[in-house]
């Protein structure tokens, strides 16, 4: 799985060639490559009419990016490391697929110099997909990101930096507690019948307070 530090951003006006042929190739050999964000899990659970925890258990697995950064990754099938949602070459959750899938073959990451901005990256895992129609990077992102997704991304970058400042003050032996808090408030404490962003901001504020209790002065 590529990290943003390993990829080079491309300008919004850069063009690339890509044409989806509904072949399912981009959904194969993806074990530990598709991160499920808070909004992704919320949308998947709502689309499938499942509880958040139930959707997470069935379709995701926990991975640790680094200290204090547990995330959920999309599960894959044993044979071919195929996406758990790929059936007969088609996505079963097309209307609620994760942001990483919607933006493919591009991805997005934080601009460390300006957290109100996002950087666009070109995926390099499967370069043979770069054929077909010509697209403009900025237009591709705009077409595949709704207003809620964009608001979430910008807010996520800013709040995670604030949490990072707290995490640096917590002893490493509290890792189990930290990971549980991070997963609970970032992924699970949501009601799919209510507004996601309002719940997300509230959860992150409470998460910060809970993490601050673990600081040893």
N, C-alpha and C. Protein backbone atom coordinates (compact mmCIF):
# COMPACT_ATOMS: atom_id res chain seq x y z
N UNK A 1 0.84 -1.20 0.00
CA UNK A 1 0.00 0.00 0.00
C UNK A 1 0.87 1.23 0.00
N UNK A 2 0.66 2.11 -0.96
CA UNK A 2 1.43 3.34 -1.04
C UNK A 2 0.96 4.33 0.02
N UNK A 3 1.90 5.05 0.59
CA UNK A 3 1.55 6.13 1.50
C UNK A 3 1.73 7.44 0.76
N UNK A 4 1.11 8.51 1.28
CA UNK A 4 1.19 9.79 0.59
C UNK A 4 2.63 10.30 0.50
N UNK A 5 3.47 9.91 1.45
CA UNK A 5 4.85 10.38 1.42
C UNK A 5 5.64 9.70 0.31
N UNK A 6 5.14 8.57 -0.22
CA UNK A 6 5.84 7.84 -1.27
C UNK A 6 5.36 8.23 -2.66
N UNK A 7 4.31 9.04 -2.73
CA UNK A 7 3.74 9.45 -4.00
C UNK A 7 4.01 10.92 -4.26
N UNK A 8 4.08 11.26 -5.52
CA UNK A 8 4.29 12.65 -5.89
C UNK A 8 2.97 13.24 -6.36
N UNK A 9 2.59 14.40 -5.81
CA UNK A 9 1.34 15.01 -6.23
C UNK A 9 1.42 15.50 -7.67
N UNK A 10 0.27 15.54 -8.32
CA UNK A 10 0.20 16.05 -9.69
C UNK A 10 -0.67 17.30 -9.70
N UNK A 11 -0.43 18.23 -10.61
CA UNK A 11 -1.26 19.44 -10.67
C UNK A 11 -2.68 19.12 -11.13
N UNK A 12 -3.60 19.97 -10.72
CA UNK A 12 -5.01 19.75 -11.04
C UNK A 12 -5.29 19.76 -12.53
N UNK A 13 -4.43 20.44 -13.30
CA UNK A 13 -4.67 20.51 -14.75
C UNK A 13 -3.95 19.41 -15.52
N UNK A 14 -3.30 18.50 -14.81
CA UNK A 14 -2.61 17.40 -15.51
C UNK A 14 -3.64 16.42 -16.07
N UNK A 15 -3.37 15.90 -17.25
CA UNK A 15 -4.28 14.96 -17.88
C UNK A 15 -3.78 13.53 -17.73
N UNK A 16 -4.70 12.60 -17.81
CA UNK A 16 -4.35 11.18 -17.77
C UNK A 16 -5.39 10.42 -18.58
N UNK A 17 -5.04 9.23 -18.98
CA UNK A 17 -5.94 8.40 -19.77
C UNK A 17 -6.48 7.25 -18.93
N UNK A 18 -7.78 7.09 -18.96
CA UNK A 18 -8.41 6.00 -18.22
C UNK A 18 -9.83 5.80 -18.73
N UNK A 19 -10.23 4.55 -18.84
CA UNK A 19 -11.59 4.24 -19.24
C UNK A 19 -12.04 2.98 -18.50
N UNK A 20 -13.08 3.12 -17.71
CA UNK A 20 -13.60 1.97 -16.98
C UNK A 20 -14.35 1.06 -17.94
N UNK A 21 -13.93 -0.20 -18.00
CA UNK A 21 -14.57 -1.18 -18.87
C UNK A 21 -15.37 -2.20 -18.06
N UNK A 22 -15.56 -1.89 -16.77
CA UNK A 22 -16.32 -2.79 -15.88
C UNK A 22 -15.76 -4.21 -15.91
N UNK A 23 -14.43 -4.27 -15.97
CA UNK A 23 -13.77 -5.59 -16.02
C UNK A 23 -13.46 -6.13 -14.64
N UNK A 24 -13.47 -5.26 -13.62
CA UNK A 24 -13.18 -5.69 -12.26
C UNK A 24 -11.70 -5.85 -11.96
N UNK A 25 -10.82 -5.52 -12.91
CA UNK A 25 -9.38 -5.70 -12.68
C UNK A 25 -8.85 -4.86 -11.53
N UNK A 26 -9.41 -3.66 -11.36
CA UNK A 26 -8.91 -2.80 -10.29
C UNK A 26 -9.40 -3.27 -8.92
N UNK A 27 -10.26 -4.29 -8.90
CA UNK A 27 -10.80 -4.83 -7.65
C UNK A 27 -10.12 -6.14 -7.26
N UNK A 28 -9.09 -6.51 -8.01
CA UNK A 28 -8.36 -7.76 -7.74
C UNK A 28 -6.95 -7.44 -7.23
N UNK A 29 -6.39 -8.38 -6.49
CA UNK A 29 -5.04 -8.20 -5.92
C UNK A 29 -4.96 -6.91 -5.11
N UNK A 30 -5.92 -6.71 -4.22
CA UNK A 30 -5.96 -5.45 -3.46
C UNK A 30 -5.87 -5.66 -1.96
N UNK A 31 -5.37 -6.79 -1.52
CA UNK A 31 -5.29 -7.05 -0.09
C UNK A 31 -4.49 -5.96 0.61
N UNK A 32 -5.05 -5.39 1.68
CA UNK A 32 -4.42 -4.35 2.48
C UNK A 32 -4.10 -3.10 1.67
N UNK A 33 -4.88 -2.82 0.63
CA UNK A 33 -4.62 -1.65 -0.20
C UNK A 33 -5.74 -0.61 -0.15
N UNK A 34 -6.95 -1.01 0.22
CA UNK A 34 -8.07 -0.06 0.20
C UNK A 34 -8.49 0.29 1.62
N UNK A 35 -8.14 1.49 2.04
CA UNK A 35 -8.50 1.94 3.38
C UNK A 35 -9.96 2.41 3.40
N UNK A 36 -10.68 1.97 4.42
CA UNK A 36 -12.06 2.39 4.61
C UNK A 36 -12.09 3.52 5.62
N UNK A 37 -12.53 4.68 5.19
CA UNK A 37 -12.59 5.84 6.07
C UNK A 37 -13.90 5.84 6.85
N UNK A 38 -13.99 6.74 7.81
CA UNK A 38 -15.19 6.82 8.64
C UNK A 38 -16.45 7.00 7.79
N UNK A 39 -16.40 7.92 6.85
CA UNK A 39 -17.55 8.18 5.99
C UNK A 39 -17.85 6.99 5.09
N UNK A 40 -16.82 6.30 4.64
CA UNK A 40 -17.02 5.10 3.82
C UNK A 40 -17.83 4.05 4.57
N UNK A 41 -17.40 3.75 5.80
CA UNK A 41 -18.09 2.73 6.59
C UNK A 41 -19.53 3.15 6.87
N UNK A 42 -19.73 4.41 7.18
CA UNK A 42 -21.07 4.95 7.43
C UNK A 42 -21.96 4.73 6.20
N UNK A 43 -21.43 5.06 5.02
CA UNK A 43 -22.22 4.94 3.79
C UNK A 43 -22.51 3.49 3.44
N UNK A 44 -21.52 2.63 3.65
CA UNK A 44 -21.71 1.21 3.35
C UNK A 44 -22.77 0.61 4.26
N UNK A 45 -22.66 0.90 5.55
CA UNK A 45 -23.64 0.38 6.50
C UNK A 45 -25.04 0.89 6.18
N UNK A 46 -25.16 2.16 5.87
CA UNK A 46 -26.47 2.74 5.54
C UNK A 46 -27.03 2.11 4.27
N UNK A 47 -26.18 1.93 3.27
CA UNK A 47 -26.61 1.36 1.99
C UNK A 47 -27.10 -0.08 2.16
N UNK A 48 -26.40 -0.84 3.00
CA UNK A 48 -26.75 -2.25 3.20
C UNK A 48 -27.75 -2.45 4.33
N UNK A 49 -28.14 -1.33 4.96
CA UNK A 49 -29.10 -1.38 6.08
C UNK A 49 -28.58 -2.26 7.22
N UNK A 50 -27.32 -2.02 7.57
CA UNK A 50 -26.67 -2.75 8.65
C UNK A 50 -26.26 -1.79 9.76
N UNK A 51 -26.06 -2.32 10.95
CA UNK A 51 -25.44 -1.54 12.01
C UNK A 51 -23.97 -1.30 11.64
N UNK A 52 -23.42 -0.20 12.11
CA UNK A 52 -22.03 0.13 11.79
C UNK A 52 -21.09 -1.02 12.16
N UNK A 53 -21.23 -1.53 13.38
CA UNK A 53 -20.34 -2.60 13.85
C UNK A 53 -20.49 -3.85 13.01
N UNK A 54 -21.71 -4.14 12.59
CA UNK A 54 -21.96 -5.33 11.77
C UNK A 54 -21.28 -5.20 10.40
N UNK A 55 -21.38 -4.02 9.79
CA UNK A 55 -20.74 -3.79 8.50
C UNK A 55 -19.23 -3.89 8.62
N UNK A 56 -18.69 -3.33 9.71
CA UNK A 56 -17.24 -3.38 9.93
C UNK A 56 -16.75 -4.81 10.08
N UNK A 57 -17.49 -5.60 10.85
CA UNK A 57 -17.09 -6.98 11.10
C UNK A 57 -17.13 -7.81 9.82
N UNK A 58 -18.12 -7.61 9.00
CA UNK A 58 -18.29 -8.41 7.80
C UNK A 58 -17.35 -8.01 6.67
N UNK A 59 -17.05 -6.73 6.55
CA UNK A 59 -16.39 -6.26 5.34
C UNK A 59 -15.04 -5.58 5.54
N UNK A 60 -14.60 -5.43 6.78
CA UNK A 60 -13.32 -4.76 7.00
C UNK A 60 -12.45 -5.52 8.00
N UNK A 61 -11.19 -5.14 8.07
CA UNK A 61 -10.27 -5.66 9.07
C UNK A 61 -9.37 -4.53 9.54
N UNK A 62 -8.92 -4.64 10.77
CA UNK A 62 -8.12 -3.57 11.37
C UNK A 62 -6.66 -3.69 10.94
N UNK A 63 -6.06 -2.55 10.64
CA UNK A 63 -4.63 -2.48 10.34
C UNK A 63 -4.06 -1.28 11.08
N UNK A 64 -2.79 -1.34 11.40
CA UNK A 64 -2.13 -0.24 12.12
C UNK A 64 -1.16 0.45 11.17
N UNK A 65 -1.47 1.69 10.83
CA UNK A 65 -0.58 2.44 9.94
C UNK A 65 0.70 2.82 10.65
N UNK A 66 0.56 3.26 11.89
CA UNK A 66 1.70 3.66 12.72
C UNK A 66 1.17 3.82 14.14
N UNK A 67 2.02 4.29 15.06
CA UNK A 67 1.60 4.49 16.44
C UNK A 67 0.37 5.38 16.52
N UNK A 68 -0.67 4.86 17.15
CA UNK A 68 -1.88 5.64 17.36
C UNK A 68 -2.74 5.83 16.13
N UNK A 69 -2.52 5.03 15.10
CA UNK A 69 -3.28 5.22 13.87
C UNK A 69 -3.85 3.90 13.35
N UNK A 70 -4.78 3.30 14.11
CA UNK A 70 -5.46 2.11 13.60
C UNK A 70 -6.50 2.52 12.56
N UNK A 71 -6.60 1.77 11.49
CA UNK A 71 -7.57 2.06 10.44
C UNK A 71 -8.27 0.77 10.05
N UNK A 72 -9.33 0.90 9.30
CA UNK A 72 -10.02 -0.26 8.75
C UNK A 72 -9.65 -0.39 7.29
N UNK A 73 -9.37 -1.64 6.88
CA UNK A 73 -9.05 -1.93 5.50
C UNK A 73 -10.14 -2.83 4.92
N UNK A 74 -10.40 -2.68 3.66
CA UNK A 74 -11.41 -3.49 2.99
C UNK A 74 -10.97 -4.95 2.96
N UNK A 75 -11.86 -5.83 3.36
CA UNK A 75 -11.55 -7.26 3.31
C UNK A 75 -11.48 -7.74 1.87
N UNK A 76 -10.72 -8.80 1.65
CA UNK A 76 -10.66 -9.43 0.34
C UNK A 76 -10.94 -10.92 0.47
N UNK A 77 -11.35 -11.51 -0.63
CA UNK A 77 -11.58 -12.94 -0.66
C UNK A 77 -10.25 -13.67 -0.74
N UNK A 78 -10.23 -14.91 -0.27
CA UNK A 78 -8.99 -15.68 -0.19
C UNK A 78 -8.37 -15.88 -1.57
N UNK A 79 -9.17 -16.26 -2.54
CA UNK A 79 -8.65 -16.53 -3.88
C UNK A 79 -8.53 -15.23 -4.66
N UNK A 80 -7.30 -14.87 -5.03
CA UNK A 80 -7.06 -13.70 -5.85
C UNK A 80 -7.06 -12.38 -5.12
N UNK A 81 -7.21 -12.42 -3.78
CA UNK A 81 -7.27 -11.16 -3.02
C UNK A 81 -8.25 -10.18 -3.66
N UNK A 82 -9.40 -10.71 -4.01
CA UNK A 82 -10.44 -9.93 -4.68
C UNK A 82 -11.30 -9.21 -3.64
N UNK A 83 -11.74 -8.01 -3.98
CA UNK A 83 -12.61 -7.23 -3.10
C UNK A 83 -13.81 -8.06 -2.67
N UNK A 84 -14.15 -7.96 -1.41
CA UNK A 84 -15.26 -8.72 -0.86
C UNK A 84 -16.60 -8.33 -1.50
N UNK A 85 -16.65 -7.16 -2.12
CA UNK A 85 -17.89 -6.69 -2.74
C UNK A 85 -17.96 -6.98 -4.24
N UNK A 86 -16.94 -7.62 -4.79
CA UNK A 86 -16.94 -7.93 -6.23
C UNK A 86 -17.67 -9.25 -6.47
N UNK A 87 -18.71 -9.20 -7.28
CA UNK A 87 -19.49 -10.39 -7.59
C UNK A 87 -19.78 -10.42 -9.08
N UNK A 88 -19.35 -11.49 -9.73
CA UNK A 88 -19.53 -11.64 -11.19
C UNK A 88 -18.97 -10.44 -11.94
N UNK A 89 -17.83 -9.95 -11.44
CA UNK A 89 -17.16 -8.83 -12.10
C UNK A 89 -17.77 -7.47 -11.84
N UNK A 90 -18.79 -7.39 -10.98
CA UNK A 90 -19.46 -6.13 -10.71
C UNK A 90 -19.40 -5.77 -9.23
N UNK A 91 -19.39 -4.47 -8.94
CA UNK A 91 -19.39 -4.00 -7.56
C UNK A 91 -20.80 -4.05 -7.00
N UNK A 92 -20.95 -4.71 -5.86
CA UNK A 92 -22.27 -4.84 -5.24
C UNK A 92 -22.71 -3.59 -4.50
N UNK A 93 -21.79 -2.68 -4.25
CA UNK A 93 -22.14 -1.45 -3.53
C UNK A 93 -21.76 -0.22 -4.36
N UNK A 94 -22.00 -0.29 -5.63
CA UNK A 94 -21.60 0.78 -6.55
C UNK A 94 -21.99 2.16 -6.04
N UNK A 95 -23.19 2.29 -5.50
CA UNK A 95 -23.68 3.60 -5.05
C UNK A 95 -23.02 4.05 -3.75
N UNK A 96 -22.37 3.14 -3.03
CA UNK A 96 -21.77 3.50 -1.74
C UNK A 96 -20.32 3.06 -1.66
N UNK A 97 -19.67 2.90 -2.78
CA UNK A 97 -18.30 2.41 -2.75
C UNK A 97 -17.36 3.44 -2.12
N UNK A 98 -16.26 2.98 -1.52
CA UNK A 98 -15.34 3.88 -0.80
C UNK A 98 -14.75 4.98 -1.68
N UNK A 99 -14.30 6.03 -1.03
CA UNK A 99 -13.71 7.15 -1.78
C UNK A 99 -12.52 6.70 -2.62
N UNK A 100 -11.72 5.78 -2.07
CA UNK A 100 -10.56 5.29 -2.81
C UNK A 100 -10.97 4.68 -4.14
N UNK A 101 -12.10 4.00 -4.16
CA UNK A 101 -12.60 3.37 -5.38
C UNK A 101 -13.19 4.40 -6.33
N UNK A 102 -13.90 5.37 -5.78
CA UNK A 102 -14.53 6.39 -6.62
C UNK A 102 -13.48 7.24 -7.34
N UNK A 103 -12.36 7.50 -6.69
CA UNK A 103 -11.34 8.37 -7.27
C UNK A 103 -10.35 7.62 -8.16
N UNK A 104 -10.32 6.31 -8.06
CA UNK A 104 -9.35 5.52 -8.84
C UNK A 104 -9.45 5.86 -10.33
N UNK A 105 -8.32 6.04 -11.02
CA UNK A 105 -6.94 5.73 -10.64
C UNK A 105 -6.18 6.88 -9.97
N UNK A 106 -6.91 7.86 -9.47
CA UNK A 106 -6.27 8.92 -8.70
C UNK A 106 -6.54 8.70 -7.22
N UNK A 107 -5.82 9.42 -6.38
CA UNK A 107 -6.06 9.39 -4.95
C UNK A 107 -5.81 10.79 -4.41
N UNK A 108 -6.18 10.99 -3.15
CA UNK A 108 -6.02 12.31 -2.54
C UNK A 108 -5.32 12.21 -1.21
N UNK A 109 -4.63 13.26 -0.83
CA UNK A 109 -3.96 13.29 0.45
C UNK A 109 -3.85 14.71 0.96
N UNK A 110 -3.42 14.87 2.20
CA UNK A 110 -3.34 16.22 2.79
C UNK A 110 -2.18 17.04 2.25
N UNK A 111 -2.40 18.32 2.15
CA UNK A 111 -1.34 19.27 1.84
C UNK A 111 -0.79 19.75 3.17
N UNK A 112 0.38 19.32 3.55
CA UNK A 112 0.93 19.63 4.86
C UNK A 112 1.14 21.12 5.07
N UNK A 113 1.27 21.86 3.98
CA UNK A 113 1.49 23.30 4.09
C UNK A 113 0.19 24.10 4.17
N UNK A 114 -0.92 23.44 3.84
CA UNK A 114 -2.21 24.11 3.86
C UNK A 114 -3.29 23.06 4.01
N UNK A 115 -3.74 22.83 5.25
CA UNK A 115 -4.68 21.76 5.52
C UNK A 115 -6.09 22.02 4.99
N UNK A 116 -6.34 23.23 4.45
CA UNK A 116 -7.62 23.48 3.81
C UNK A 116 -7.57 23.08 2.34
N UNK A 117 -6.42 22.56 1.93
CA UNK A 117 -6.22 22.16 0.55
C UNK A 117 -5.95 20.65 0.49
N UNK A 118 -6.19 20.05 -0.64
CA UNK A 118 -5.88 18.63 -0.83
C UNK A 118 -4.93 18.49 -2.02
N UNK A 119 -4.14 17.44 -1.99
CA UNK A 119 -3.24 17.12 -3.09
C UNK A 119 -3.78 15.90 -3.83
N UNK A 120 -3.57 15.89 -5.12
CA UNK A 120 -4.03 14.78 -5.95
C UNK A 120 -2.82 13.95 -6.38
N UNK A 121 -2.96 12.64 -6.28
CA UNK A 121 -1.89 11.73 -6.63
C UNK A 121 -2.35 10.77 -7.71
N UNK A 122 -1.41 10.28 -8.47
CA UNK A 122 -1.70 9.30 -9.51
C UNK A 122 -1.30 7.93 -9.01
N UNK A 123 -2.24 7.01 -9.01
CA UNK A 123 -1.97 5.66 -8.54
C UNK A 123 -1.00 4.96 -9.49
N UNK A 124 -0.04 4.24 -8.90
CA UNK A 124 0.99 3.59 -9.73
C UNK A 124 0.94 2.07 -9.65
N UNK A 125 0.03 1.52 -8.82
CA UNK A 125 0.00 0.08 -8.63
C UNK A 125 -0.30 -0.69 -9.92
N UNK A 126 -1.21 -0.15 -10.73
CA UNK A 126 -1.63 -0.87 -11.93
C UNK A 126 -1.60 0.09 -13.12
N UNK A 127 -0.40 0.39 -13.57
CA UNK A 127 -0.21 1.40 -14.61
C UNK A 127 -0.84 1.00 -15.95
N UNK A 128 -1.11 -0.32 -16.14
CA UNK A 128 -1.69 -0.76 -17.41
C UNK A 128 -3.12 -0.25 -17.59
N UNK A 129 -3.71 0.31 -16.53
CA UNK A 129 -5.06 0.84 -16.65
C UNK A 129 -5.10 2.21 -17.33
N UNK A 130 -3.95 2.82 -17.53
CA UNK A 130 -3.93 4.17 -18.08
C UNK A 130 -4.04 4.15 -19.60
N UNK A 131 -5.26 3.83 -20.04
CA UNK A 131 -5.56 3.77 -21.47
C UNK A 131 -6.95 4.37 -21.68
N UNK A 132 -7.26 4.69 -22.90
CA UNK A 132 -8.62 5.15 -23.19
C UNK A 132 -8.80 6.65 -23.17
N UNK A 133 -9.92 7.10 -22.65
CA UNK A 133 -10.28 8.51 -22.69
C UNK A 133 -9.32 9.38 -21.89
N UNK A 134 -9.22 10.65 -22.30
CA UNK A 134 -8.36 11.60 -21.61
C UNK A 134 -9.19 12.40 -20.59
N UNK A 135 -8.66 12.52 -19.38
CA UNK A 135 -9.35 13.24 -18.31
C UNK A 135 -8.40 14.27 -17.70
N UNK A 136 -8.97 15.30 -17.08
CA UNK A 136 -8.20 16.29 -16.34
C UNK A 136 -8.31 15.94 -14.86
N UNK A 137 -7.20 15.88 -14.16
CA UNK A 137 -7.17 15.40 -12.77
C UNK A 137 -8.16 16.15 -11.88
N UNK A 138 -8.13 17.47 -11.91
CA UNK A 138 -9.02 18.26 -11.05
C UNK A 138 -10.48 18.02 -11.35
N UNK A 139 -10.81 17.87 -12.61
CA UNK A 139 -12.19 17.63 -13.01
C UNK A 139 -12.63 16.22 -12.57
N UNK A 140 -11.72 15.26 -12.66
CA UNK A 140 -12.03 13.90 -12.25
C UNK A 140 -12.38 13.85 -10.75
N UNK A 141 -11.59 14.55 -9.95
CA UNK A 141 -11.84 14.59 -8.51
C UNK A 141 -13.18 15.26 -8.22
N UNK A 142 -13.44 16.38 -8.88
CA UNK A 142 -14.70 17.10 -8.66
C UNK A 142 -15.91 16.26 -9.06
N UNK A 143 -15.78 15.50 -10.12
CA UNK A 143 -16.89 14.68 -10.60
C UNK A 143 -17.16 13.48 -9.69
N UNK A 144 -16.16 13.06 -8.95
CA UNK A 144 -16.29 11.84 -8.14
C UNK A 144 -16.29 12.10 -6.63
N UNK A 145 -16.39 13.35 -6.25
CA UNK A 145 -16.45 13.73 -4.84
C UNK A 145 -17.65 14.64 -4.61
N UNK A 146 -18.59 14.21 -3.76
CA UNK A 146 -19.70 15.10 -3.45
C UNK A 146 -19.28 16.07 -2.35
N UNK A 147 -20.14 17.00 -2.02
CA UNK A 147 -19.80 18.05 -1.06
C UNK A 147 -19.52 17.49 0.33
N UNK A 148 -20.27 16.45 0.72
CA UNK A 148 -20.04 15.85 2.04
C UNK A 148 -18.68 15.19 2.10
N UNK A 149 -18.29 14.49 1.04
CA UNK A 149 -16.99 13.82 1.00
C UNK A 149 -15.86 14.84 1.09
N UNK A 150 -16.00 15.93 0.37
CA UNK A 150 -14.96 16.95 0.38
C UNK A 150 -14.86 17.61 1.76
N UNK A 151 -16.00 17.91 2.37
CA UNK A 151 -16.00 18.51 3.71
C UNK A 151 -15.37 17.56 4.72
N UNK A 152 -15.67 16.27 4.59
CA UNK A 152 -15.09 15.27 5.49
C UNK A 152 -13.58 15.22 5.35
N UNK A 153 -13.09 15.17 4.14
CA UNK A 153 -11.65 15.06 3.90
C UNK A 153 -10.90 16.24 4.52
N UNK A 154 -11.37 17.45 4.26
CA UNK A 154 -10.70 18.64 4.79
C UNK A 154 -10.73 18.64 6.31
N UNK A 155 -11.88 18.29 6.89
CA UNK A 155 -12.02 18.26 8.34
C UNK A 155 -11.15 17.17 8.94
N UNK A 156 -11.09 16.04 8.30
CA UNK A 156 -10.28 14.91 8.76
C UNK A 156 -8.81 15.29 8.86
N UNK A 157 -8.28 15.90 7.84
CA UNK A 157 -6.87 16.29 7.85
C UNK A 157 -6.55 17.22 9.01
N UNK A 158 -7.42 18.19 9.21
CA UNK A 158 -7.19 19.18 10.27
C UNK A 158 -7.28 18.55 11.66
N UNK A 159 -8.31 17.76 11.89
CA UNK A 159 -8.52 17.18 13.22
C UNK A 159 -7.50 16.10 13.54
N UNK A 160 -7.07 15.35 12.54
CA UNK A 160 -6.05 14.32 12.80
C UNK A 160 -4.71 14.95 13.19
N UNK A 161 -4.43 16.11 12.64
CA UNK A 161 -3.20 16.80 13.06
C UNK A 161 -3.31 17.22 14.53
N UNK A 162 -4.49 17.69 14.93
CA UNK A 162 -4.69 18.06 16.34
C UNK A 162 -4.54 16.84 17.25
N UNK A 163 -5.08 15.71 16.83
CA UNK A 163 -4.95 14.48 17.62
C UNK A 163 -3.49 14.03 17.68
N UNK A 164 -2.77 14.24 16.60
CA UNK A 164 -1.36 13.86 16.57
C UNK A 164 -0.56 14.58 17.63
N UNK A 165 -0.89 15.83 17.88
CA UNK A 165 -0.20 16.60 18.92
C UNK A 165 -0.46 16.01 20.30
N UNK A 166 -1.65 15.44 20.51
CA UNK A 166 -1.98 14.80 21.78
C UNK A 166 -1.29 13.45 21.89
N UNK A 167 -1.30 12.69 20.81
CA UNK A 167 -0.72 11.34 20.82
C UNK A 167 0.77 11.36 21.16
N UNK A 168 1.45 12.40 20.75
CA UNK A 168 2.89 12.50 21.04
C UNK A 168 3.18 12.60 22.53
N UNK A 169 2.18 12.95 23.31
CA UNK A 169 2.36 13.11 24.75
C UNK A 169 1.93 11.87 25.55
N UNK A 170 1.46 10.85 24.85
CA UNK A 170 0.97 9.64 25.51
C UNK A 170 2.04 8.55 25.46
N UNK A 171 2.24 7.88 26.58
CA UNK A 171 3.24 6.81 26.66
C UNK A 171 2.85 5.65 25.76
N UNK A 172 3.83 5.01 25.14
CA UNK A 172 3.57 3.94 24.20
C UNK A 172 2.90 2.72 24.85
N UNK A 173 3.08 2.55 26.15
CA UNK A 173 2.44 1.40 26.80
C UNK A 173 0.91 1.56 26.88
N UNK A 174 0.41 2.72 26.52
CA UNK A 174 -1.05 2.93 26.49
C UNK A 174 -1.62 2.66 25.10
N UNK A 175 -0.86 1.98 24.26
CA UNK A 175 -1.26 1.79 22.87
C UNK A 175 -2.62 1.08 22.73
N UNK A 176 -2.86 0.06 23.53
CA UNK A 176 -4.12 -0.68 23.45
C UNK A 176 -5.30 0.25 23.70
N UNK A 177 -5.19 1.09 24.73
CA UNK A 177 -6.26 2.03 25.05
C UNK A 177 -6.43 3.06 23.95
N UNK A 178 -5.31 3.53 23.44
CA UNK A 178 -5.35 4.53 22.37
C UNK A 178 -6.05 3.96 21.13
N UNK A 179 -5.66 2.76 20.73
CA UNK A 179 -6.24 2.16 19.54
C UNK A 179 -7.74 1.94 19.69
N UNK A 180 -8.15 1.49 20.86
CA UNK A 180 -9.58 1.27 21.09
C UNK A 180 -10.37 2.57 20.99
N UNK A 181 -9.83 3.63 21.57
CA UNK A 181 -10.49 4.92 21.52
C UNK A 181 -10.56 5.44 20.09
N UNK A 182 -9.46 5.31 19.36
CA UNK A 182 -9.41 5.80 17.98
C UNK A 182 -10.44 5.08 17.12
N UNK A 183 -10.52 3.79 17.24
CA UNK A 183 -11.47 3.02 16.43
C UNK A 183 -12.92 3.32 16.83
N UNK A 184 -13.16 3.39 18.13
CA UNK A 184 -14.52 3.60 18.61
C UNK A 184 -15.08 4.94 18.15
N UNK A 185 -14.33 6.02 18.39
CA UNK A 185 -14.85 7.35 18.09
C UNK A 185 -14.77 7.70 16.60
N UNK A 186 -13.80 7.14 15.90
CA UNK A 186 -13.66 7.48 14.48
C UNK A 186 -14.54 6.64 13.58
N UNK A 187 -14.92 5.44 14.04
CA UNK A 187 -15.67 4.55 13.15
C UNK A 187 -17.04 4.11 13.67
N UNK A 188 -17.15 3.82 14.96
CA UNK A 188 -18.30 3.07 15.42
C UNK A 188 -19.43 3.88 16.07
N UNK A 189 -19.15 4.99 16.65
CA UNK A 189 -20.17 5.74 17.38
C UNK A 189 -20.98 6.64 16.44
N UNK A 190 -21.66 6.00 15.50
CA UNK A 190 -22.47 6.74 14.53
C UNK A 190 -23.84 6.10 14.39
N UNK A 191 -24.81 6.94 14.14
CA UNK A 191 -26.17 6.50 13.85
C UNK A 191 -26.43 6.84 12.39
N UNK A 192 -26.67 5.82 11.56
CA UNK A 192 -26.83 6.07 10.13
C UNK A 192 -28.12 6.82 9.79
N UNK A 193 -28.98 7.03 10.78
CA UNK A 193 -30.20 7.79 10.55
C UNK A 193 -29.98 9.29 10.79
N UNK A 194 -28.77 9.64 11.25
CA UNK A 194 -28.48 11.04 11.56
C UNK A 194 -27.37 11.57 10.65
N UNK A 195 -27.20 12.88 10.65
CA UNK A 195 -26.20 13.54 9.82
C UNK A 195 -24.79 13.08 10.19
N UNK A 196 -24.04 12.62 9.21
CA UNK A 196 -22.70 12.09 9.48
C UNK A 196 -21.75 13.16 10.00
N UNK A 197 -21.64 14.29 9.32
CA UNK A 197 -20.63 15.28 9.68
C UNK A 197 -20.84 15.85 11.08
N UNK A 198 -22.08 16.06 11.47
CA UNK A 198 -22.35 16.56 12.81
C UNK A 198 -21.86 15.57 13.85
N UNK A 199 -22.11 14.28 13.59
CA UNK A 199 -21.66 13.25 14.52
C UNK A 199 -20.14 13.13 14.51
N UNK A 200 -19.56 13.24 13.33
CA UNK A 200 -18.11 13.09 13.20
C UNK A 200 -17.36 14.17 14.00
N UNK A 201 -17.76 15.41 13.82
CA UNK A 201 -17.09 16.52 14.53
C UNK A 201 -17.25 16.35 16.04
N UNK A 202 -18.44 15.97 16.48
CA UNK A 202 -18.68 15.74 17.91
C UNK A 202 -17.83 14.60 18.43
N UNK A 203 -17.76 13.51 17.68
CA UNK A 203 -16.95 12.35 18.08
C UNK A 203 -15.48 12.70 18.20
N UNK A 204 -14.97 13.45 17.24
CA UNK A 204 -13.55 13.80 17.25
C UNK A 204 -13.21 14.71 18.42
N UNK A 205 -14.13 15.59 18.77
CA UNK A 205 -13.91 16.47 19.93
C UNK A 205 -13.86 15.64 21.21
N UNK A 206 -14.74 14.67 21.33
CA UNK A 206 -14.75 13.81 22.51
C UNK A 206 -13.54 12.89 22.52
N UNK A 207 -13.14 12.42 21.36
CA UNK A 207 -11.95 11.58 21.26
C UNK A 207 -10.72 12.32 21.78
N UNK A 208 -10.59 13.57 21.41
CA UNK A 208 -9.46 14.37 21.88
C UNK A 208 -9.46 14.46 23.40
N UNK A 209 -10.63 14.68 23.98
CA UNK A 209 -10.73 14.77 25.45
C UNK A 209 -10.33 13.44 26.10
N UNK A 210 -10.79 12.33 25.51
CA UNK A 210 -10.47 11.01 26.07
C UNK A 210 -8.99 10.71 25.96
N UNK A 211 -8.37 11.08 24.88
CA UNK A 211 -6.94 10.85 24.71
C UNK A 211 -6.12 11.71 25.67
N UNK A 212 -6.58 12.92 25.91
CA UNK A 212 -5.87 13.81 26.82
C UNK A 212 -5.83 13.25 28.23
N UNK A 213 -6.82 12.42 28.59
CA UNK A 213 -6.83 11.79 29.91
C UNK A 213 -5.70 10.78 30.07
N UNK A 214 -5.13 10.33 28.94
CA UNK A 214 -4.08 9.31 28.99
C UNK A 214 -2.68 9.92 29.05
N UNK A 215 -2.62 11.24 29.01
CA UNK A 215 -1.31 11.91 29.05
C UNK A 215 -0.75 11.88 30.47
N UNK A 216 0.52 11.53 30.57
CA UNK A 216 1.19 11.55 31.86
C UNK A 216 2.10 12.77 31.92
N UNK A 217 1.82 13.63 32.85
CA UNK A 217 2.66 14.83 33.01
C UNK A 217 3.75 14.57 34.03
